[in-house]
Structures are given as structure tokens and as C-alpha cells.
């Protein structure tokens, strides 16, 4: 790596930190709903979904609904392309491809927007903590009916919570698919960026990923994604199941 590369990476890091202070990720929407993601990660997820072609995407953390609507729209695109290639039309209400969203508090206005959205038939929601035995059991029962599963973790960002989510949901990831852990970038941010949050450097999704991988060699960090996009809230968070 030459000096120009190092300077570019340092500039990228400085920009990412500065953008965090301005809540940059709140600027964007998908399908009319706020998505709270960086555009680079949205594109990275699009590439993965197109490559993997999952029939179930499990997401912890719903917030405004933009992420599950994005995932649902990608699944709709997969079905549409299949219909064009095969000549067989697929009724969206009958499509097996679904998004399962879990959130401890699905707020009434957000639920109303999601349930009124054109993608609603592809979305199922569970309200409750993602790490309680009852919710985990529901998710596992649903996932058992699908063959190609992708997982996205984006709820409470403490080490303990994310590690519990990984233990519960990462095993549902199909071989060759991904478990994506968002906001691992917290580890690389200044401690004063999260004054009203229980997470921060040393206690966040990235530390949970590192801990989980110590005993789970079936997953590997796909660093090619962060190396390509550079700006991402999920460095070391794109986990590919290899066995």
C-alpha cells in the first residue's frame, strides 16, 4: 500500500466519523420510508441479495421500515426476473420469498406505513425482544420452511445483545449466504459520539462479531465488501457462511 492509498483511506475514515456527528444516515429513504443506512451499504446489500437470491431475509431492528421494504423490493425484483425468464407470472401474495422483521417496539405510525406499503404482502413482523426464547422460537419455526436464508442484525448495538443475536440467528444462515451485522463501525468511532447510548468503543457489534468468530469457523468476514465500498457502517460485519 503506497502513501496515496494510505492518505485516501485516512480521508475516508475522517469523513465517516464526521458524517456520524451529522446523522448522515438519516437523510435517505427507500420506497418512501426512511432507511437509516449509508447508500454504500444499501448498494452492497443489493449486490449480495442479487447474488444469493434468498427466499427468506431475517432482519432484527425495524425502526421506520425502510430496510425491510428495501429487502422486500429486492425479493420482488428476483421474482419478476424469474417470471420474465420463465414466462410464469408470480402472484406477489403467493410468492414464497419473504422478509421477517423483528423489533422490540414497532411503533404505531411505522407499522401503519409498512402495512399500507405495496410491498406489505412480502413482509412479516414480530414485536418483541429479538433475544427472548419466545421470539427466537418463532423465528426458527418460520425459517424452517425456507431453504436459502439471509440474516441482518441491526437492533440493540451492545456487545452482549449482538452476541446473543448471533448465537440465535447466525446458524439460520444458509451455506454461501450472509449474516450481516450492522454498525460494527461503532468500534472505530470516538467515544463521545454515543453519549446517550449504552454502546461505544469496546462494547459494540464489532466486538461481538470478533467474539463469535472465535468459536464459529463456519463464518468468515468477507473483507472484499468493505475494501470495495470503503464507506460502510459494517466493517468486519459482512459475514459469509462457508460451511
C-alpha atoms as a PDB file:
ATOM      1  CA  UNK A   1       0.000   0.000   0.000  1.00  0.00           C
ATOM      2  CA  UNK A   2       1.520   3.318  -1.041  1.00  0.00           C
ATOM      3  CA  UNK A   3       1.227   6.716   0.600  1.00  0.00           C
ATOM      4  CA  UNK A   4      -1.581   7.785  -1.738  1.00  0.00           C
ATOM      5  CA  UNK A   5      -3.620   4.731  -0.701  1.00  0.00           C
ATOM      6  CA  UNK A   6      -2.982   5.424   2.979  1.00  0.00           C
ATOM      7  CA  UNK A   7      -3.984   9.066   2.597  1.00  0.00           C
ATOM      8  CA  UNK A   8      -7.180   8.089   0.797  1.00  0.00           C
ATOM      9  CA  UNK A   9      -8.129   5.573   3.495  1.00  0.00           C
ATOM     10  CA  UNK A  10      -7.436   8.134   6.205  1.00  0.00           C
ATOM     11  CA  UNK A  11      -9.607  10.709   4.425  1.00  0.00           C
ATOM     12  CA  UNK A  12     -12.389   8.129   4.147  1.00  0.00           C
ATOM     13  CA  UNK A  13     -12.163   7.374   7.868  1.00  0.00           C
ATOM     14  CA  UNK A  14     -12.255  11.069   8.780  1.00  0.00           C
ATOM     15  CA  UNK A  15     -15.302  11.606   6.550  1.00  0.00           C
ATOM     16  CA  UNK A  16     -17.115   8.633   8.074  1.00  0.00           C
ATOM     17  CA  UNK A  17     -16.525   9.928  11.588  1.00  0.00           C
ATOM     18  CA  UNK A  18     -17.593  13.472  10.669  1.00  0.00           C
ATOM     19  CA  UNK A  19     -20.743  12.219   8.950  1.00  0.00           C
ATOM     20  CA  UNK A  20     -21.742  10.379  12.127  1.00  0.00           C
ATOM     21  CA  UNK A  21     -21.946  13.628  14.060  1.00  0.00           C
ATOM     22  CA  UNK A  22     -24.428  14.915  11.460  1.00  0.00           C
ATOM     23  CA  UNK A  23     -26.641  11.783  11.496  1.00  0.00           C
ATOM     24  CA  UNK A  24     -25.888  11.425   7.803  1.00  0.00           C
ATOM     25  CA  UNK A  25     -27.639   8.043   7.542  1.00  0.00           C
ATOM     26  CA  UNK A  26     -30.995   9.664   8.366  1.00  0.00           C
ATOM     27  CA  UNK A  27     -31.015  11.519   5.034  1.00  0.00           C
ATOM     28  CA  UNK A  28     -32.227   8.612   2.914  1.00  0.00           C
ATOM     29  CA  UNK A  29     -35.361   6.630   2.211  1.00  0.00           C
ATOM     30  CA  UNK A  30     -36.355   3.558   0.246  1.00  0.00           C
ATOM     31  CA  UNK A  31     -39.808   3.210  -1.245  1.00  0.00           C
ATOM     32  CA  UNK A  32     -40.960   6.257   0.700  1.00  0.00           C
ATOM     33  CA  UNK A  33     -39.701   5.040   4.111  1.00  0.00           C
ATOM     34  CA  UNK A  34     -36.638   6.265   5.985  1.00  0.00           C
ATOM     35  CA  UNK A  35     -33.984   3.555   5.799  1.00  0.00           C
ATOM     36  CA  UNK A  36     -31.230   4.834   8.173  1.00  0.00           C
ATOM     37  CA  UNK A  37     -28.400   3.345   6.124  1.00  0.00           C
ATOM     38  CA  UNK A  38     -25.482   4.705   4.140  1.00  0.00           C
ATOM     39  CA  UNK A  39     -26.013   4.485   0.356  1.00  0.00           C
ATOM     40  CA  UNK A  40     -22.883   2.352   0.021  1.00  0.00           C
ATOM     41  CA  UNK A  41     -24.308  -0.302   2.348  1.00  0.00           C
ATOM     42  CA  UNK A  42     -27.628  -0.236   0.503  1.00  0.00           C
ATOM     43  CA  UNK A  43     -25.759  -0.999  -2.730  1.00  0.00           C
ATOM     44  CA  UNK A  44     -23.680  -3.685  -1.005  1.00  0.00           C
ATOM     45  CA  UNK A  45     -26.875  -5.349   0.240  1.00  0.00           C
ATOM     46  CA  UNK A  46     -28.355  -5.168  -3.258  1.00  0.00           C
ATOM     47  CA  UNK A  47     -25.325  -6.947  -4.658  1.00  0.00           C
ATOM     48  CA  UNK A  48     -25.488  -9.674  -2.010  1.00  0.00           C
ATOM     49  CA  UNK A  49     -29.226 -10.275  -2.375  1.00  0.00           C
ATOM     50  CA  UNK A  50     -28.903 -10.483  -6.169  1.00  0.00           C
ATOM     51  CA  UNK A  51     -26.019 -12.925  -5.810  1.00  0.00           C
ATOM     52  CA  UNK A  52     -27.566 -15.127  -3.102  1.00  0.00           C
ATOM     53  CA  UNK A  53     -31.202 -14.904  -4.229  1.00  0.00           C
ATOM     54  CA  UNK A  54     -32.597 -15.739  -0.780  1.00  0.00           C
ATOM     55  CA  UNK A  55     -36.151 -16.838  -0.197  1.00  0.00           C
ATOM     56  CA  UNK A  56     -36.137 -15.517   3.387  1.00  0.00           C
ATOM     57  CA  UNK A  57     -34.393 -12.459   4.834  1.00  0.00           C
ATOM     58  CA  UNK A  58     -34.466 -12.182   8.619  1.00  0.00           C
ATOM     59  CA  UNK A  59     -33.896  -8.675   9.994  1.00  0.00           C
ATOM     60  CA  UNK A  60     -33.636  -7.573  13.617  1.00  0.00           C
ATOM     61  CA  UNK A  61     -34.483  -3.899  14.015  1.00  0.00           C
ATOM     62  CA  UNK A  62     -37.324  -2.386  12.004  1.00  0.00           C
ATOM     63  CA  UNK A  63     -37.303   1.297  13.016  1.00  0.00           C
ATOM     64  CA  UNK A  64     -39.091   3.258  10.269  1.00  0.00           C
ATOM     65  CA  UNK A  65     -39.364   0.239   7.978  1.00  0.00           C
ATOM     66  CA  UNK A  66     -37.114   1.338   5.126  1.00  0.00           C
ATOM     67  CA  UNK A  67     -34.766  -1.619   5.421  1.00  0.00           C
ATOM     68  CA  UNK A  68     -37.413  -4.347   5.346  1.00  0.00           C
ATOM     69  CA  UNK A  69     -39.161  -2.547   2.468  1.00  0.00           C
ATOM     70  CA  UNK A  70     -35.829  -2.444   0.626  1.00  0.00           C
ATOM     71  CA  UNK A  71     -35.338  -6.168   1.195  1.00  0.00           C
ATOM     72  CA  UNK A  72     -38.906  -6.916   0.137  1.00  0.00           C
ATOM     73  CA  UNK A  73     -38.471  -4.893  -3.043  1.00  0.00           C
ATOM     74  CA  UNK A  74     -35.298  -6.803  -3.886  1.00  0.00           C
ATOM     75  CA  UNK A  75     -37.147 -10.094  -3.413  1.00  0.00           C
ATOM     76  CA  UNK A  76     -39.919  -8.775  -5.658  1.00  0.00           C
ATOM     77  CA  UNK A  77     -37.301  -7.973  -8.297  1.00  0.00           C
ATOM     78  CA  UNK A  78     -35.950 -11.514  -8.098  1.00  0.00           C
ATOM     79  CA  UNK A  79     -39.449 -12.890  -8.641  1.00  0.00           C
ATOM     80  CA  UNK A  80     -40.073 -10.501 -11.518  1.00  0.00           C
ATOM     81  CA  UNK A  81     -36.856 -11.538 -13.259  1.00  0.00           C
ATOM     82  CA  UNK A  82     -37.743 -15.199 -12.768  1.00  0.00           C
ATOM     83  CA  UNK A  83     -41.165 -14.561 -14.276  1.00  0.00           C
ATOM     84  CA  UNK A  84     -39.649 -12.851 -17.318  1.00  0.00           C
ATOM     85  CA  UNK A  85     -37.111 -15.611 -17.881  1.00  0.00           C
ATOM     86  CA  UNK A  86     -39.512 -18.496 -17.300  1.00  0.00           C
ATOM     87  CA  UNK A  87     -42.689 -16.991 -18.716  1.00  0.00           C
ATOM     88  CA  UNK A  88     -44.504 -17.845 -15.470  1.00  0.00           C
ATOM     89  CA  UNK A  89     -46.191 -14.959 -13.664  1.00  0.00           C
ATOM     90  CA  UNK A  90     -45.952 -14.986  -9.868  1.00  0.00           C
ATOM     91  CA  UNK A  91     -48.697 -13.520  -7.717  1.00  0.00           C
ATOM     92  CA  UNK A  92     -46.874 -11.447  -5.039  1.00  0.00           C
ATOM     93  CA  UNK A  93     -49.349 -12.716  -2.453  1.00  0.00           C
ATOM     94  CA  UNK A  94     -48.340 -16.297  -3.282  1.00  0.00           C
ATOM     95  CA  UNK A  95     -44.581 -15.774  -3.561  1.00  0.00           C
ATOM     96  CA  UNK A  96     -42.542 -17.760  -1.062  1.00  0.00           C
ATOM     97  CA  UNK A  97     -39.926 -15.036  -0.819  1.00  0.00           C
ATOM     98  CA  UNK A  98     -40.457 -13.111   2.417  1.00  0.00           C
ATOM     99  CA  UNK A  99     -38.831 -10.666   4.813  1.00  0.00           C
ATOM    100  CA  UNK A 100     -39.207 -11.337   8.536  1.00  0.00           C
ATOM    101  CA  UNK A 101     -38.652  -8.231  10.683  1.00  0.00           C
ATOM    102  CA  UNK A 102     -38.245  -8.310  14.472  1.00  0.00           C
ATOM    103  CA  UNK A 103     -38.342  -5.258  16.730  1.00  0.00           C
ATOM    104  CA  UNK A 104     -38.918  -4.785  20.442  1.00  0.00           C
ATOM    105  CA  UNK A 105     -41.181  -1.808  19.714  1.00  0.00           C
ATOM    106  CA  UNK A 106     -42.896  -1.481  16.343  1.00  0.00           C
ATOM    107  CA  UNK A 107     -44.331   1.983  16.711  1.00  0.00           C
ATOM    108  CA  UNK A 108     -47.884   2.509  15.550  1.00  0.00           C
ATOM    109  CA  UNK A 109     -47.185   5.063  12.779  1.00  0.00           C
ATOM    110  CA  UNK A 110     -44.296   2.984  11.430  1.00  0.00           C
ATOM    111  CA  UNK A 111     -46.393  -0.181  11.411  1.00  0.00           C
ATOM    112  CA  UNK A 112     -49.171   1.679   9.610  1.00  0.00           C
ATOM    113  CA  UNK A 113     -46.794   2.835   6.871  1.00  0.00           C
ATOM    114  CA  UNK A 114     -45.366  -0.658   6.407  1.00  0.00           C
ATOM    115  CA  UNK A 115     -48.781  -2.328   6.355  1.00  0.00           C
ATOM    116  CA  UNK A 116     -50.021   0.166   3.746  1.00  0.00           C
ATOM    117  CA  UNK A 117     -46.975  -0.240   1.512  1.00  0.00           C
ATOM    118  CA  UNK A 118     -47.155  -2.075  -1.853  1.00  0.00           C
ATOM    119  CA  UNK A 119     -44.502  -4.485  -0.508  1.00  0.00           C
ATOM    120  CA  UNK A 120     -46.612  -5.431   2.509  1.00  0.00           C
ATOM    121  CA  UNK A 121     -47.531  -8.927   1.262  1.00  0.00           C
ATOM    122  CA  UNK A 122     -43.850  -9.904   1.377  1.00  0.00           C
ATOM    123  CA  UNK A 123     -43.302  -8.686   4.938  1.00  0.00           C
ATOM    124  CA  UNK A 124     -43.998 -10.405   8.259  1.00  0.00           C
ATOM    125  CA  UNK A 125     -43.269  -8.662  11.557  1.00  0.00           C
ATOM    126  CA  UNK A 126     -42.755  -9.914  15.097  1.00  0.00           C
ATOM    127  CA  UNK A 127     -42.863  -7.498  18.035  1.00  0.00           C
ATOM    128  CA  UNK A 128     -40.646  -8.456  20.936  1.00  0.00           C
ATOM    129  CA  UNK A 129     -37.029  -8.623  22.009  1.00  0.00           C
ATOM    130  CA  UNK A 130     -35.012 -10.499  19.418  1.00  0.00           C
ATOM    131  CA  UNK A 131     -33.116 -12.423  22.104  1.00  0.00           C
ATOM    132  CA  UNK A 132     -36.021 -13.813  24.134  1.00  0.00           C
ATOM    133  CA  UNK A 133     -36.624 -17.570  23.847  1.00  0.00           C
ATOM    134  CA  UNK A 134     -40.190 -16.999  22.649  1.00  0.00           C
ATOM    135  CA  UNK A 135     -39.194 -14.774  19.728  1.00  0.00           C
ATOM    136  CA  UNK A 136     -36.218 -16.951  18.802  1.00  0.00           C
ATOM    137  CA  UNK A 137     -38.520 -19.982  18.702  1.00  0.00           C
ATOM    138  CA  UNK A 138     -40.958 -18.157  16.398  1.00  0.00           C
ATOM    139  CA  UNK A 139     -38.188 -17.142  14.028  1.00  0.00           C
ATOM    140  CA  UNK A 140     -36.688 -20.634  13.909  1.00  0.00           C
ATOM    141  CA  UNK A 141     -40.108 -22.153  13.198  1.00  0.00           C
ATOM    142  CA  UNK A 142     -40.618 -19.757  10.266  1.00  0.00           C
ATOM    143  CA  UNK A 143     -37.075 -20.204   8.925  1.00  0.00           C
ATOM    144  CA  UNK A 144     -37.509 -23.990   8.895  1.00  0.00           C
ATOM    145  CA  UNK A 145     -39.816 -23.570   5.894  1.00  0.00           C
ATOM    146  CA  UNK A 146     -37.152 -21.891   3.748  1.00  0.00           C
ATOM    147  CA  UNK A 147     -34.045 -23.192   2.052  1.00  0.00           C
ATOM    148  CA  UNK A 148     -31.999 -20.054   1.318  1.00  0.00           C
ATOM    149  CA  UNK A 149     -31.838 -17.724   4.293  1.00  0.00           C
ATOM    150  CA  UNK A 150     -30.037 -14.421   4.820  1.00  0.00           C
ATOM    151  CA  UNK A 151     -29.767 -12.658   8.198  1.00  0.00           C
ATOM    152  CA  UNK A 152     -29.311  -8.954   9.037  1.00  0.00           C
ATOM    153  CA  UNK A 153     -28.712  -7.787  12.612  1.00  0.00           C
ATOM    154  CA  UNK A 154     -29.420  -4.106  13.303  1.00  0.00           C
ATOM    155  CA  UNK A 155     -31.191  -3.616  16.635  1.00  0.00           C
ATOM    156  CA  UNK A 156     -29.589  -3.009  20.049  1.00  0.00           C
ATOM    157  CA  UNK A 157     -25.865  -2.476  19.379  1.00  0.00           C
ATOM    158  CA  UNK A 158     -24.329  -3.590  22.681  1.00  0.00           C
ATOM    159  CA  UNK A 159     -21.804  -6.417  22.652  1.00  0.00           C
ATOM    160  CA  UNK A 160     -23.977  -8.642  24.824  1.00  0.00           C
ATOM    161  CA  UNK A 161     -27.125  -8.177  22.744  1.00  0.00           C
ATOM    162  CA  UNK A 162     -25.463  -8.639  19.359  1.00  0.00           C
ATOM    163  CA  UNK A 163     -23.578 -11.711  20.560  1.00  0.00           C
ATOM    164  CA  UNK A 164     -26.885 -13.198  21.737  1.00  0.00           C
ATOM    165  CA  UNK A 165     -28.439 -12.411  18.336  1.00  0.00           C
ATOM    166  CA  UNK A 166     -25.515 -14.050  16.567  1.00  0.00           C
ATOM    167  CA  UNK A 167     -25.859 -17.185  18.670  1.00  0.00           C
ATOM    168  CA  UNK A 168     -29.599 -17.286  17.947  1.00  0.00           C
ATOM    169  CA  UNK A 169     -29.822 -16.309  14.285  1.00  0.00           C
ATOM    170  CA  UNK A 170     -26.477 -16.740  12.549  1.00  0.00           C
ATOM    171  CA  UNK A 171     -26.945 -20.555  12.458  1.00  0.00           C
ATOM    172  CA  UNK A 172     -30.069 -19.982  10.345  1.00  0.00           C
ATOM    173  CA  UNK A 173     -27.894 -18.514   7.578  1.00  0.00           C
ATOM    174  CA  UNK A 174     -27.636 -20.850   4.611  1.00  0.00           C
ATOM    175  CA  UNK A 175     -24.209 -22.005   3.448  1.00  0.00           C
ATOM    176  CA  UNK A 176     -22.985 -19.488   0.887  1.00  0.00           C
ATOM    177  CA  UNK A 177     -25.300 -16.790   2.243  1.00  0.00           C
ATOM    178  CA  UNK A 178     -24.553 -13.914   4.622  1.00  0.00           C
ATOM    179  CA  UNK A 179     -25.228 -12.807   8.155  1.00  0.00           C
ATOM    180  CA  UNK A 180     -24.725  -9.037   8.037  1.00  0.00           C
ATOM    181  CA  UNK A 181     -24.019  -7.256  11.321  1.00  0.00           C
ATOM    182  CA  UNK A 182     -24.575  -3.522  11.024  1.00  0.00           C
ATOM    183  CA  UNK A 183     -22.960  -0.681  12.992  1.00  0.00           C
ATOM    184  CA  UNK A 184     -19.723  -2.505  13.664  1.00  0.00           C
ATOM    185  CA  UNK A 185     -18.198   0.899  12.846  1.00  0.00           C
ATOM    186  CA  UNK A 186     -19.038   1.974  16.403  1.00  0.00           C
ATOM    187  CA  UNK A 187     -15.750   0.381  17.445  1.00  0.00           C
ATOM    188  CA  UNK A 188     -13.850   2.834  15.240  1.00  0.00           C
ATOM    189  CA  UNK A 189     -15.697   5.976  16.303  1.00  0.00           C
ATOM    190  CA  UNK A 190     -14.831   8.473  19.066  1.00  0.00           C
ATOM    191  CA  UNK A 191     -16.337   7.536  22.425  1.00  0.00           C
ATOM    192  CA  UNK A 192     -18.113  10.903  22.705  1.00  0.00           C
ATOM    193  CA  UNK A 193     -20.225  10.127  19.632  1.00  0.00           C
ATOM    194  CA  UNK A 194     -22.634   7.999  21.696  1.00  0.00           C
ATOM    195  CA  UNK A 195     -23.240   9.945  24.925  1.00  0.00           C
ATOM    196  CA  UNK A 196     -26.847   8.736  25.306  1.00  0.00           C
ATOM    197  CA  UNK A 197     -26.290   5.134  24.181  1.00  0.00           C
ATOM    198  CA  UNK A 198     -25.208   2.038  26.135  1.00  0.00           C
ATOM    199  CA  UNK A 199     -22.706   1.095  23.401  1.00  0.00           C
ATOM    200  CA  UNK A 200     -19.411   2.562  22.259  1.00  0.00           C
ATOM    201  CA  UNK A 201     -15.806   1.558  21.564  1.00  0.00           C
ATOM    202  CA  UNK A 202     -15.120  -1.760  23.310  1.00  0.00           C
ATOM    203  CA  UNK A 203     -18.818  -2.609  23.594  1.00  0.00           C
ATOM    204  CA  UNK A 204     -20.495  -2.874  20.204  1.00  0.00           C
ATOM    205  CA  UNK A 205     -21.395  -5.128  17.251  1.00  0.00           C
ATOM    206  CA  UNK A 206     -17.788  -5.455  16.053  1.00  0.00           C
ATOM    207  CA  UNK A 207     -16.541  -6.746  19.400  1.00  0.00           C
ATOM    208  CA  UNK A 208     -19.462  -9.198  19.361  1.00  0.00           C
ATOM    209  CA  UNK A 209     -18.514 -10.386  15.854  1.00  0.00           C
ATOM    210  CA  UNK A 210     -14.911 -10.924  16.903  1.00  0.00           C
ATOM    211  CA  UNK A 211     -16.038 -12.911  19.950  1.00  0.00           C
ATOM    212  CA  UNK A 212     -18.491 -15.009  17.955  1.00  0.00           C
ATOM    213  CA  UNK A 213     -15.969 -15.911  15.257  1.00  0.00           C
ATOM    214  CA  UNK A 214     -13.565 -17.354  17.840  1.00  0.00           C
ATOM    215  CA  UNK A 215     -15.801 -20.428  18.106  1.00  0.00           C
ATOM    216  CA  UNK A 216     -17.638 -20.370  14.785  1.00  0.00           C
ATOM    217  CA  UNK A 217     -15.264 -21.154  11.916  1.00  0.00           C
ATOM    218  CA  UNK A 218     -18.255 -21.757   9.642  1.00  0.00           C
ATOM    219  CA  UNK A 219     -18.331 -17.977   9.150  1.00  0.00           C
ATOM    220  CA  UNK A 220     -15.688 -15.738   7.623  1.00  0.00           C
ATOM    221  CA  UNK A 221     -15.544 -11.951   7.318  1.00  0.00           C
ATOM    222  CA  UNK A 222     -15.907 -11.013   3.656  1.00  0.00           C
ATOM    223  CA  UNK A 223     -13.475  -8.120   3.673  1.00  0.00           C
ATOM    224  CA  UNK A 224     -13.772  -7.684  -0.090  1.00  0.00           C
ATOM    225  CA  UNK A 225     -17.008  -5.759   0.516  1.00  0.00           C
ATOM    226  CA  UNK A 226     -15.528  -3.156   2.869  1.00  0.00           C
ATOM    227  CA  UNK A 227     -12.399  -2.915   0.733  1.00  0.00           C
ATOM    228  CA  UNK A 228     -14.529  -2.110  -2.310  1.00  0.00           C
ATOM    229  CA  UNK A 229     -17.046   0.307  -0.776  1.00  0.00           C
ATOM    230  CA  UNK A 230     -14.711   1.844   1.867  1.00  0.00           C
ATOM    231  CA  UNK A 231     -17.554   3.895   3.352  1.00  0.00           C
ATOM    232  CA  UNK A 232     -19.602   1.422   5.381  1.00  0.00           C
ATOM    233  CA  UNK A 233     -21.157   1.184   8.837  1.00  0.00           C
ATOM    234  CA  UNK A 234     -20.419  -2.558   8.792  1.00  0.00           C
ATOM    235  CA  UNK A 235     -16.624  -3.110   8.602  1.00  0.00           C
ATOM    236  CA  UNK A 236     -15.981  -6.734   9.603  1.00  0.00           C
ATOM    237  CA  UNK A 237     -19.754  -7.129   9.645  1.00  0.00           C
ATOM    238  CA  UNK A 238     -20.341  -8.871   6.312  1.00  0.00           C
ATOM    239  CA  UNK A 239     -20.104 -12.479   7.479  1.00  0.00           C
ATOM    240  CA  UNK A 240     -20.261 -15.202   4.843  1.00  0.00           C
ATOM    241  CA  UNK A 241     -21.195 -18.718   5.872  1.00  0.00           C
ATOM    242  CA  UNK A 242     -18.660 -21.021   4.236  1.00  0.00           C
ATOM    243  CA  UNK A 243     -19.505 -24.355   5.860  1.00  0.00           C
END
